[in-house]
């Protein structure tokens, strides 16, 4: 385990680094903390290079790094599997994810955590993004030990609190976005993002107080106003805070309805620069019990005297959580796996020999134990595996008449689906409401069309539904081609409905 680690928080507008040394088994000493803004003309590589220059006087040689990435870079899926064995999960998970992701599963790195009861919360991110981060950080700073999601790393101390085993929310209020971790029974159940941040409050406050954004930012952080002044002059900022609280409360209610959460949150914990704004905390307290997360527990963390005065805990909490992630044993996401797995050095020749001897002894014991396995137990396991494979196969390919080679049959089905529903990479800033409004306006009200399913992700929308006749499907396709949002509208598979008088259809549309 490394003695000195750099926690790197890569955000959308800045990167933050906390360099810390381990003291004893549990204590951590922070010896440096730096922030580099990703302003115009400064990309990730330039920012990391500048960070390296700032830290070189403290650590002249390379260092071990733990990287936290923004939750917005990651796709999340809840997956249900009929088993909890890790080896089985790793084999079955790609087949389960393939129809749920907008890109081929072999183009993403997948990590997961277990949900409180059954199932997994799976996170996936493009391999190119991980490859880029590792390349930049290891070129200028040092070896990347692991890569976690920022809010997940922040939530780990809360998950380890046995007294707080109920339902809770961790809010990381950044500059342009707010990320929420919902947890229950000491496990993360969902990660969400909100279009609300410190910049939103600053802009509204600048309008309320008729001042520049720089002055409004200073007022926001330092709370240079009393309650009466706030009530009188800060109507816009207060309205934004109240609207965010309403959105958060609505999200909780929705998650309770769909059983993602089983009980209302008992507490909400704040961090990030936006948490410094007292009126926002006051608005949240009207809905939830609120507390501020602070990793500077007495005896657990020591800040170097040279940086103690300038160190801002809410802003540096994520980078510090990354450091603690390296020193702790708690389970979280880690995208440094598969082809990107970190390879530790094997040490001296004597240590290598000892490791190989232990490995050889373990192999001999395993081989000997295998000889004593009961034949009936093996048969029972084989039968159980076949039943599980057949269940997964039937779930994803119910129209198959016979099961001969399930893996080959599923691959063939996936290839057919890729040709039919092939999805392109890319993102779009268009909202779902805008697209639904456009679709509703283009499809004639008199058409007998029923939409059953709608998928929208990575600049692609897929509509599945029923029509009275094939001519109606063609008419809908022609009308949607006139949209200002869509291009390359195509009809996928069509078939007669079970009732026999209607047509099932798929429409695939790419966003401009």
Protein backbone atom coordinates (compact mmCIF):
# COMPACT_ATOMS: atom_id res chain seq x y z
CA UNK A 1 0.00 0.00 0.00
CA UNK A 2 1.45 3.43 -0.97
CA UNK A 3 2.57 5.83 1.76
CA UNK A 4 1.96 9.02 -0.28
CA UNK A 5 -1.00 9.48 -2.65
CA UNK A 6 -2.31 12.29 -4.81
CA UNK A 7 -6.11 12.43 -4.93
CA UNK A 8 -7.14 14.00 -8.23
CA UNK A 9 -10.69 15.34 -8.70
CA UNK A 10 -11.29 15.90 -12.42
CA UNK A 11 -14.32 18.16 -12.83
CA UNK A 12 -15.92 19.89 -15.80
CA UNK A 13 -14.50 23.32 -14.90
CA UNK A 14 -11.41 22.56 -12.80
CA UNK A 15 -9.19 19.82 -11.45
CA UNK A 16 -8.31 19.67 -7.76
CA UNK A 17 -5.45 17.77 -6.20
CA UNK A 18 -4.78 16.79 -2.58
CA UNK A 19 -1.39 15.28 -1.79
CA UNK A 20 -1.37 13.33 1.47
CA UNK A 21 0.87 10.99 3.41
CA UNK A 22 -0.33 8.13 5.58
CA UNK A 23 0.47 8.37 9.27
CA UNK A 24 -0.12 5.13 11.13
CA UNK A 25 -3.03 2.88 10.25
CA UNK A 26 -5.84 5.42 10.04
CA UNK A 27 -4.39 8.96 10.16
CA UNK A 28 -3.72 11.05 7.04
CA UNK A 29 -1.58 14.17 6.75
CA UNK A 30 -2.34 16.59 3.89
CA UNK A 31 0.83 18.28 2.70
CA UNK A 32 -0.41 20.05 -0.45
CA UNK A 33 -3.71 21.09 -2.05
CA UNK A 34 -3.98 22.75 -5.45
CA UNK A 35 -6.72 23.79 -7.91
CA UNK A 36 -6.28 24.40 -11.65
CA UNK A 37 -9.19 25.89 -13.62
CA UNK A 38 -10.12 24.46 -17.01
CA UNK A 39 -10.60 27.89 -18.56
CA UNK A 40 -10.65 28.66 -22.26
CA UNK A 41 -7.58 27.21 -23.96
CA UNK A 42 -6.68 24.97 -21.00
CA UNK A 43 -7.56 21.33 -21.67
CA UNK A 44 -7.11 18.38 -19.33
CA UNK A 45 -3.51 17.70 -20.34
CA UNK A 46 -2.49 21.34 -19.89
CA UNK A 47 -4.21 21.45 -16.49
CA UNK A 48 -2.54 18.22 -15.30
CA UNK A 49 0.81 19.53 -16.50
CA UNK A 50 0.28 22.73 -14.52
CA UNK A 51 -0.75 20.67 -11.48
CA UNK A 52 2.49 18.69 -11.77
CA UNK A 53 4.49 21.92 -11.84
CA UNK A 54 2.76 23.14 -8.66
CA UNK A 55 3.44 19.86 -6.81
CA UNK A 56 7.03 19.34 -7.98
CA UNK A 57 8.57 21.38 -5.13
CA UNK A 58 6.78 19.09 -2.66
CA UNK A 59 7.36 15.75 -4.45
CA UNK A 60 10.17 16.02 -7.02
CA UNK A 61 9.75 12.42 -8.25
CA UNK A 62 6.61 10.58 -9.42
CA UNK A 63 3.70 9.83 -7.09
CA UNK A 64 0.83 7.35 -6.85
CA UNK A 65 -2.52 8.79 -7.97
CA UNK A 66 -6.19 8.04 -7.39
CA UNK A 67 -8.50 9.73 -9.92
CA UNK A 68 -12.14 10.70 -9.42
CA UNK A 69 -14.18 11.43 -12.56
CA UNK A 70 -17.48 13.38 -12.80
CA UNK A 71 -20.65 11.26 -12.52
CA UNK A 72 -21.88 12.88 -15.75
CA UNK A 73 -19.19 10.99 -17.71
CA UNK A 74 -20.73 7.66 -16.73
CA UNK A 75 -23.82 5.67 -17.77
CA UNK A 76 -25.76 3.93 -14.97
CA UNK A 77 -27.98 0.85 -15.14
CA UNK A 78 -29.69 -1.26 -12.48
CA UNK A 79 -29.31 -4.93 -13.41
CA UNK A 80 -31.04 -7.93 -11.83
CA UNK A 81 -29.24 -11.30 -11.90
CA UNK A 82 -30.36 -14.57 -10.23
CA UNK A 83 -27.01 -15.04 -8.45
CA UNK A 84 -24.37 -13.10 -6.49
CA UNK A 85 -21.27 -15.13 -7.34
CA UNK A 86 -18.65 -12.70 -8.74
CA UNK A 87 -17.35 -15.07 -11.45
CA UNK A 88 -20.88 -15.72 -12.73
CA UNK A 89 -21.68 -12.01 -12.68
CA UNK A 90 -18.63 -11.16 -14.80
CA UNK A 91 -19.66 -13.77 -17.39
CA UNK A 92 -23.33 -12.85 -17.56
CA UNK A 93 -23.11 -9.06 -17.18
CA UNK A 94 -21.97 -8.26 -20.76
CA UNK A 95 -24.99 -10.14 -22.19
CA UNK A 96 -27.31 -8.32 -19.77
CA UNK A 97 -25.85 -4.89 -20.62
CA UNK A 98 -25.59 -5.29 -24.40
CA UNK A 99 -29.23 -4.33 -25.17
CA UNK A 100 -29.24 -1.56 -22.54
CA UNK A 101 -26.25 0.47 -23.73
CA UNK A 102 -26.17 2.81 -26.74
CA UNK A 103 -22.66 1.61 -27.67
CA UNK A 104 -21.17 -1.90 -28.06
CA UNK A 105 -20.34 -3.42 -24.68
CA UNK A 106 -16.75 -4.13 -25.77
CA UNK A 107 -16.18 -0.37 -26.16
CA UNK A 108 -16.84 0.46 -22.49
CA UNK A 109 -15.27 -0.30 -19.11
CA UNK A 110 -17.82 -1.65 -16.65
CA UNK A 111 -17.77 -1.55 -12.85
CA UNK A 112 -20.54 -2.29 -10.37
CA UNK A 113 -21.59 -2.33 -6.72
CA UNK A 114 -24.19 -4.58 -5.09
CA UNK A 115 -27.61 -3.17 -4.25
CA UNK A 116 -28.90 -3.71 -0.68
CA UNK A 117 -31.12 -6.69 -1.54
CA UNK A 118 -30.71 -8.15 -5.02
CA UNK A 119 -29.19 -6.78 -8.18
CA UNK A 120 -26.37 -4.46 -9.15
CA UNK A 121 -25.84 -0.77 -9.80
CA UNK A 122 -23.66 -0.90 -12.92
CA UNK A 123 -21.56 2.02 -14.21
CA UNK A 124 -20.09 2.10 -17.73
CA UNK A 125 -17.73 4.58 -19.39
CA UNK A 126 -16.03 4.64 -22.78
CA UNK A 127 -12.61 3.01 -22.97
CA UNK A 128 -11.18 5.97 -24.86
CA UNK A 129 -12.03 8.30 -21.96
CA UNK A 130 -10.27 6.02 -19.46
CA UNK A 131 -7.29 5.54 -21.78
CA UNK A 132 -6.97 9.32 -22.18
CA UNK A 133 -7.10 9.99 -18.42
CA UNK A 134 -4.53 7.31 -17.60
CA UNK A 135 -2.20 8.50 -20.37
CA UNK A 136 -2.30 12.16 -19.30
CA UNK A 137 -1.98 11.56 -15.55
CA UNK A 138 0.79 8.97 -15.80
CA UNK A 139 2.75 11.14 -18.25
CA UNK A 140 2.89 14.17 -15.94
CA UNK A 141 2.15 13.00 -12.38
CA UNK A 142 2.54 9.28 -11.64
CA UNK A 143 0.96 5.84 -11.67
CA UNK A 144 -2.85 5.73 -11.54
CA UNK A 145 -3.84 3.19 -8.87
CA UNK A 146 -7.59 3.33 -9.48
CA UNK A 147 -10.34 5.45 -11.05
CA UNK A 148 -13.58 6.00 -9.13
CA UNK A 149 -16.71 8.15 -9.56
CA UNK A 150 -16.41 11.36 -7.53
CA UNK A 151 -19.66 11.15 -5.60
CA UNK A 152 -19.23 7.42 -4.93
CA UNK A 153 -15.84 8.04 -3.32
CA UNK A 154 -17.36 10.90 -1.28
CA UNK A 155 -20.14 8.62 -0.02
CA UNK A 156 -17.87 5.83 1.27
CA UNK A 157 -17.45 7.26 4.81
CA UNK A 158 -21.24 7.62 5.05
CA UNK A 159 -21.77 4.02 3.93
CA UNK A 160 -19.39 2.81 6.61
CA UNK A 161 -21.33 4.58 9.37
CA UNK A 162 -23.29 1.84 11.15
CA UNK A 163 -25.42 4.43 12.93
CA UNK A 164 -26.48 5.87 9.57
CA UNK A 165 -27.53 2.57 7.97
CA UNK A 166 -30.88 4.04 6.86
CA UNK A 167 -31.69 5.99 3.73
CA UNK A 168 -29.76 9.16 2.94
CA UNK A 169 -28.57 11.52 0.21
CA UNK A 170 -25.13 12.99 -0.43
CA UNK A 171 -25.23 16.21 -2.49
CA UNK A 172 -22.06 17.46 -4.19
CA UNK A 173 -22.94 21.01 -5.31
CA UNK A 174 -20.40 22.01 -7.94
CA UNK A 175 -20.01 25.06 -10.14
CA UNK A 176 -22.40 24.10 -12.94
CA UNK A 177 -24.00 20.83 -11.79
CA UNK A 178 -25.12 19.10 -8.63
CA UNK A 179 -24.61 15.35 -8.25
CA UNK A 180 -26.62 13.26 -5.80
CA UNK A 181 -25.83 9.84 -4.36
CA UNK A 182 -28.83 8.00 -2.93
CA UNK A 183 -27.91 5.27 -0.47
CA UNK A 184 -29.81 2.78 1.64
CA UNK A 185 -28.70 0.04 4.06
CA UNK A 186 -25.05 1.12 3.66
CA UNK A 187 -25.12 0.68 -0.14
CA UNK A 188 -25.37 3.09 -3.10
CA UNK A 189 -28.64 2.58 -4.98
CA UNK A 190 -28.55 5.40 -7.54
CA UNK A 191 -26.53 8.42 -8.77
CA UNK A 192 -28.32 11.39 -10.35
CA UNK A 193 -27.37 14.84 -11.65
CA UNK A 194 -29.22 18.19 -11.51
CA UNK A 195 -28.71 21.27 -13.69
CA UNK A 196 -28.02 23.49 -10.70
CA UNK A 197 -24.76 24.75 -9.23
CA UNK A 198 -22.82 27.56 -7.67
CA UNK A 199 -22.72 29.53 -10.94
CA UNK A 200 -26.54 29.53 -11.02
CA UNK A 201 -26.67 31.09 -7.55
CA UNK A 202 -23.92 33.62 -8.38
CA UNK A 203 -25.66 34.85 -11.55
CA UNK A 204 -29.00 35.20 -9.78
CA UNK A 205 -27.37 36.98 -6.82
CA UNK A 206 -25.58 39.40 -9.16
CA UNK A 207 -28.92 40.35 -10.71
CA UNK A 208 -30.59 40.68 -7.31
CA UNK A 209 -27.86 42.90 -5.85
CA UNK A 210 -27.01 44.72 -9.15
CA UNK A 211 -23.32 43.89 -8.94
CA UNK A 212 -20.68 42.01 -10.95
CA UNK A 213 -20.39 38.22 -10.78
CA UNK A 214 -17.04 38.45 -8.98
CA UNK A 215 -18.57 40.51 -6.17
CA UNK A 216 -21.64 38.23 -6.08
CA UNK A 217 -19.36 35.20 -5.72
CA UNK A 218 -17.57 36.82 -2.79
CA UNK A 219 -20.89 37.66 -1.13
CA UNK A 220 -22.19 34.12 -1.74
CA UNK A 221 -19.19 32.37 -0.19
CA UNK A 222 -18.74 34.71 2.75
CA UNK A 223 -22.50 35.23 3.36
CA UNK A 224 -22.05 39.03 3.60
CA UNK A 225 -25.71 39.80 4.30
CA UNK A 226 -28.22 39.38 7.06
CA UNK A 227 -31.53 37.57 6.98
CA UNK A 228 -33.54 40.76 6.39
CA UNK A 229 -31.32 41.85 3.52
CA UNK A 230 -31.59 38.37 2.01
CA UNK A 231 -35.38 38.33 2.17
CA UNK A 232 -35.60 41.81 0.62
CA UNK A 233 -32.98 41.78 -2.13
CA UNK A 234 -32.32 38.14 -3.15
CA UNK A 235 -35.59 36.96 -4.67
CA UNK A 236 -34.07 35.38 -7.82
CA UNK A 237 -31.36 33.45 -5.97
CA UNK A 238 -33.87 32.25 -3.40
CA UNK A 239 -36.26 31.14 -6.14
CA UNK A 240 -33.51 29.07 -7.81
CA UNK A 241 -32.66 27.42 -4.48
CA UNK A 242 -36.31 26.68 -3.80
CA UNK A 243 -36.80 25.20 -7.29
CA UNK A 244 -33.81 22.91 -6.80
CA UNK A 245 -35.26 21.69 -3.50
CA UNK A 246 -38.56 20.94 -5.25
CA UNK A 247 -36.75 18.97 -7.97
CA UNK A 248 -34.83 16.98 -5.36
CA UNK A 249 -38.00 16.22 -3.42
CA UNK A 250 -39.79 15.12 -6.61
CA UNK A 251 -36.87 12.81 -7.46
CA UNK A 252 -37.08 11.19 -4.03
CA UNK A 253 -40.84 10.70 -4.39
CA UNK A 254 -40.37 9.08 -7.81
CA UNK A 255 -37.67 6.74 -6.47
CA UNK A 256 -39.99 5.73 -3.63
CA UNK A 257 -42.75 4.97 -6.14
CA UNK A 258 -40.57 2.75 -8.34
CA UNK A 259 -39.05 1.02 -5.28
CA UNK A 260 -35.52 2.27 -5.94
CA UNK A 261 -35.75 3.61 -2.39
CA UNK A 262 -37.79 1.80 0.24
CA UNK A 263 -37.96 4.60 2.81
CA UNK A 264 -37.69 8.39 2.86
CA UNK A 265 -34.16 9.82 3.40
CA UNK A 266 -33.35 10.36 7.06
CA UNK A 267 -30.58 12.86 6.36
CA UNK A 268 -28.98 14.82 3.55
CA UNK A 269 -25.26 15.58 3.55
CA UNK A 270 -23.78 18.52 1.62
CA UNK A 271 -20.38 19.13 0.11
CA UNK A 272 -18.92 21.12 -2.80
CA UNK A 273 -18.44 24.85 -3.24
CA UNK A 274 -22.20 25.49 -3.49
CA UNK A 275 -22.74 24.14 0.02
CA UNK A 276 -21.04 27.28 1.37
CA UNK A 277 -24.17 29.29 0.45
CA UNK A 278 -26.17 29.48 3.70
CA UNK A 279 -29.58 30.37 2.18
CA UNK A 280 -29.43 27.18 0.09
CA UNK A 281 -28.81 25.16 3.24
CA UNK A 282 -31.75 26.90 4.90
CA UNK A 283 -34.05 26.00 1.99
CA UNK A 284 -32.92 22.35 2.11
CA UNK A 285 -33.55 22.20 5.86
CA UNK A 286 -37.22 22.89 5.21
CA UNK A 287 -37.43 19.53 3.41
CA UNK A 288 -34.64 17.31 4.83
CA UNK A 289 -32.37 17.17 7.90
CA UNK A 290 -29.12 18.72 6.62
CA UNK A 291 -25.48 18.33 7.67
CA UNK A 292 -22.18 19.36 6.07
CA UNK A 293 -19.68 16.60 5.29
CA UNK A 294 -16.21 17.24 6.65
CA UNK A 295 -13.39 14.68 6.60
CA UNK A 296 -11.32 16.66 9.08
CA UNK A 297 -12.31 14.59 12.10
CA UNK A 298 -10.04 15.15 15.09
CA UNK A 299 -7.19 12.68 15.07
CA UNK A 300 -8.10 11.27 11.65
CA UNK A 301 -6.74 14.05 9.45
CA UNK A 302 -4.01 16.62 9.84
CA UNK A 303 -3.60 19.63 7.53
CA UNK A 304 -0.06 20.94 7.09
CA UNK A 305 0.43 24.28 8.81
CA UNK A 306 1.56 25.98 5.56
CA UNK A 307 -1.74 25.34 3.77
CA UNK A 308 -4.15 25.19 6.73
CA UNK A 309 -5.44 28.75 6.35
CA UNK A 310 -6.18 28.43 2.61
CA UNK A 311 -7.58 24.89 2.72
CA UNK A 312 -11.35 24.83 2.00
CA UNK A 313 -12.83 21.52 3.04
CA UNK A 314 -16.09 21.59 0.96
CA UNK A 315 -14.13 22.29 -2.22
CA UNK A 316 -11.34 19.76 -1.59
CA UNK A 317 -13.49 16.97 -0.12
CA UNK A 318 -13.63 14.93 -3.34
CA UNK A 319 -9.86 14.98 -3.86
CA UNK A 320 -9.37 14.08 -0.19
CA UNK A 321 -11.92 11.26 -0.54
CA UNK A 322 -9.82 9.94 -3.43
CA UNK A 323 -6.79 9.80 -1.12
CA UNK A 324 -8.78 7.97 1.55
CA UNK A 325 -10.05 5.60 -1.16
CA UNK A 326 -6.46 4.43 -1.68
CA UNK A 327 -5.82 3.96 2.03
CA UNK A 328 -9.16 2.29 2.84
CA UNK A 329 -10.72 -1.07 2.03
CA UNK A 330 -14.32 -0.05 1.30
CA UNK A 331 -15.87 -1.34 -1.93
CA UNK A 332 -16.71 1.19 -4.64
CA UNK A 333 -16.44 1.59 -8.41
CA UNK A 334 -13.08 1.18 -10.11
CA UNK A 335 -12.59 1.58 -13.87
CA UNK A 336 -8.93 0.58 -13.66
CA UNK A 337 -9.69 -3.02 -14.67
CA UNK A 338 -9.63 -5.34 -17.65
CA UNK A 339 -7.07 -4.09 -20.14
CA UNK A 340 -6.52 -1.03 -17.89
CA UNK A 341 -5.87 -2.99 -14.69
CA UNK A 342 -3.02 -1.59 -12.62
CA UNK A 343 -0.08 -4.02 -12.46
CA UNK A 344 1.89 -3.82 -9.23
CA UNK A 345 5.60 -4.53 -9.32
CA UNK A 346 6.70 -7.96 -8.12
CA UNK A 347 9.54 -6.68 -5.91
CA UNK A 348 12.82 -8.51 -5.24
CA UNK A 349 13.73 -11.99 -6.50
CA UNK A 350 13.20 -13.42 -3.02
CA UNK A 351 9.68 -11.94 -2.84
CA UNK A 352 8.91 -13.25 -6.33
CA UNK A 353 10.01 -16.75 -5.36
CA UNK A 354 7.88 -16.62 -2.22
CA UNK A 355 4.82 -15.51 -4.19
CA UNK A 356 5.29 -18.21 -6.82
CA UNK A 357 5.77 -20.85 -4.10
CA UNK A 358 2.52 -19.80 -2.42
CA UNK A 359 0.73 -19.81 -5.76
CA UNK A 360 2.10 -23.26 -6.65
CA UNK A 361 1.06 -24.67 -3.25
CA UNK A 362 -2.42 -23.21 -3.69
CA UNK A 363 -2.72 -24.79 -7.15
CA UNK A 364 -1.66 -28.19 -5.79
CA UNK A 365 -4.20 -27.96 -2.99
CA UNK A 366 -6.93 -26.96 -5.41
CA UNK A 367 -6.05 -29.81 -7.77
CA UNK A 368 -6.11 -32.29 -4.88
CA UNK A 369 -9.43 -30.95 -3.61
CA UNK A 370 -10.96 -31.27 -7.05
CA UNK A 371 -10.29 -35.02 -7.04
CA UNK A 372 -12.52 -35.43 -3.96
CA UNK A 373 -15.50 -33.59 -5.38
CA UNK A 374 -18.61 -35.72 -5.42
CA UNK A 375 -19.92 -36.58 -8.89
CA UNK A 376 -23.49 -35.81 -7.89
CA UNK A 377 -22.51 -32.35 -6.71
CA UNK A 378 -20.87 -31.67 -10.06
CA UNK A 379 -23.99 -32.88 -11.87
CA UNK A 380 -26.20 -30.67 -9.73
CA UNK A 381 -24.04 -27.63 -10.46
CA UNK A 382 -24.09 -28.34 -14.18
CA UNK A 383 -27.88 -28.59 -14.08
CA UNK A 384 -28.12 -25.33 -12.14
CA UNK A 385 -25.84 -23.57 -14.64
CA UNK A 386 -27.92 -24.85 -17.54
CA UNK A 387 -31.12 -23.67 -15.87
CA UNK A 388 -29.65 -20.20 -15.28
CA UNK A 389 -28.37 -19.99 -18.86
CA UNK A 390 -31.74 -21.08 -20.20
CA UNK A 391 -33.51 -18.49 -18.02
CA UNK A 392 -31.28 -15.68 -19.28
CA UNK A 393 -31.62 -16.97 -22.86
CA UNK A 394 -35.43 -17.11 -22.67
CA UNK A 395 -35.55 -13.64 -21.13
CA UNK A 396 -33.68 -12.02 -24.02
CA UNK A 397 -34.75 -14.33 -26.88
CA UNK A 398 -38.29 -15.55 -26.04
CA UNK A 399 -39.23 -16.14 -29.68
CA UNK A 400 -36.56 -18.87 -30.11
CA UNK A 401 -38.21 -22.27 -30.64
CA UNK A 402 -35.30 -24.42 -29.45
CA UNK A 403 -32.09 -23.94 -27.47
CA UNK A 404 -29.13 -25.59 -29.18
CA UNK A 405 -26.13 -23.34 -28.57
CA UNK A 406 -27.39 -20.41 -26.42
CA UNK A 407 -24.18 -18.36 -26.66
CA UNK A 408 -24.00 -18.63 -30.44
CA UNK A 409 -27.74 -17.98 -30.79
CA UNK A 410 -27.57 -14.88 -28.58
CA UNK A 411 -24.56 -13.55 -30.47
CA UNK A 412 -26.40 -14.06 -33.75
CA UNK A 413 -29.44 -12.25 -32.31
CA UNK A 414 -27.26 -9.39 -31.04
CA UNK A 415 -25.64 -9.00 -34.47
CA UNK A 416 -29.09 -8.81 -36.06
CA UNK A 417 -30.17 -6.21 -33.50
CA UNK A 418 -27.00 -4.19 -34.08
CA UNK A 419 -27.78 -4.03 -37.79
CA UNK A 420 -31.37 -3.02 -37.03
CA UNK A 421 -30.80 -0.69 -34.07
CA UNK A 422 -27.16 0.32 -34.55
CA UNK A 423 -26.58 3.40 -32.37
CA UNK A 424 -24.05 6.12 -33.10
CA UNK A 425 -21.83 7.83 -30.57
CA UNK A 426 -22.22 11.46 -29.70
CA UNK A 427 -24.20 13.60 -27.30
CA UNK A 428 -26.96 16.16 -27.65
CA UNK A 429 -28.10 19.07 -25.56
CA UNK A 430 -31.73 18.70 -26.72
CA UNK A 431 -34.11 17.84 -23.90
CA UNK A 432 -36.55 14.92 -24.00
CA UNK A 433 -39.47 17.35 -23.57
CA UNK A 434 -38.41 19.28 -26.69
CA UNK A 435 -38.20 16.05 -28.73
CA UNK A 436 -41.58 14.79 -27.47
CA UNK A 437 -43.15 18.14 -28.32
CA UNK A 438 -41.66 17.96 -31.82
CA UNK A 439 -42.89 14.39 -32.37
CA UNK A 440 -46.36 15.23 -31.06
CA UNK A 441 -46.63 18.20 -33.42
CA UNK A 442 -45.48 16.28 -36.51
CA UNK A 443 -47.64 13.14 -36.19
CA UNK A 444 -51.18 13.84 -37.39
CA UNK A 445 -53.76 13.49 -34.57
CA UNK A 446 -56.05 11.36 -36.74
CA UNK A 447 -53.51 8.57 -37.20
CA UNK A 448 -54.16 5.34 -35.30
CA UNK A 449 -50.64 5.12 -33.76
CA UNK A 450 -49.78 3.73 -30.33
CA UNK A 451 -46.22 4.28 -28.96
CA UNK A 452 -45.23 1.58 -26.45
CA UNK A 453 -41.54 2.26 -25.84
CA UNK A 454 -39.19 5.20 -26.31
CA UNK A 455 -35.41 5.14 -25.85
CA UNK A 456 -33.22 8.28 -26.01
CA UNK A 457 -29.47 8.26 -25.33
CA UNK A 458 -26.23 9.24 -27.05
CA UNK A 459 -27.95 11.30 -29.82
CA UNK A 460 -30.23 8.42 -30.90
CA UNK A 461 -33.95 7.94 -30.30
CA UNK A 462 -35.79 4.64 -30.92
CA UNK A 463 -39.59 4.44 -30.94
CA UNK A 464 -41.50 1.15 -30.78
CA UNK A 465 -45.25 0.98 -31.24
CA UNK A 466 -48.30 -0.28 -33.08
CA UNK A 467 -50.11 1.07 -36.14
CA UNK A 468 -53.34 0.21 -37.86
CA UNK A 469 -51.50 -0.43 -41.14
CA UNK A 470 -48.07 -0.24 -42.73
CA UNK A 471 -48.97 2.90 -44.69
CA UNK A 472 -49.40 4.75 -41.37
CA UNK A 473 -45.88 3.73 -40.33
CA UNK A 474 -44.47 5.07 -43.59
CA UNK A 475 -46.48 8.28 -43.16
CA UNK A 476 -45.11 8.79 -39.64
CA UNK A 477 -41.55 8.24 -40.93
CA UNK A 478 -42.07 10.85 -43.69
CA UNK A 479 -43.51 13.36 -41.20
CA UNK A 480 -40.66 12.92 -38.72
CA UNK A 481 -38.10 13.53 -41.50
CA UNK A 482 -39.40 17.14 -41.56
CA UNK A 483 -38.31 17.65 -37.95
CA UNK A 484 -35.68 20.26 -37.12
CA UNK A 485 -34.20 17.84 -34.57
CA UNK A 486 -34.04 14.50 -36.42
CA UNK A 487 -32.12 13.09 -39.37
CA UNK A 488 -31.78 9.63 -40.92
CA UNK A 489 -35.25 8.45 -39.87
CA UNK A 490 -35.50 4.74 -40.73
CA UNK A 491 -37.97 1.91 -40.21
CA UNK A 492 -36.56 -1.09 -38.36
CA UNK A 493 -38.32 -4.40 -37.97
CA UNK A 494 -42.07 -4.72 -38.57
CA UNK A 495 -44.44 -7.56 -37.80
CA UNK A 496 -48.08 -8.32 -37.33
CA UNK A 497 -49.35 -8.00 -33.76
CA UNK A 498 -50.69 -11.06 -32.02
CA UNK A 499 -54.21 -9.78 -32.55
CA UNK A 500 -53.48 -9.98 -36.28
CA UNK A 501 -55.08 -6.68 -37.33
CA UNK A 502 -52.28 -4.28 -36.31
CA UNK A 503 -48.62 -3.80 -37.22
CA UNK A 504 -45.74 -3.69 -34.73
CA UNK A 505 -43.00 -1.30 -35.87
CA UNK A 506 -39.64 0.23 -34.83
CA UNK A 507 -38.46 3.71 -35.86
CA UNK A 508 -34.84 4.82 -35.40
CA UNK A 509 -33.89 8.52 -35.51
CA UNK A 510 -30.55 10.27 -35.16
CA UNK A 511 -30.37 13.78 -33.69
CA UNK A 512 -28.89 16.53 -35.81
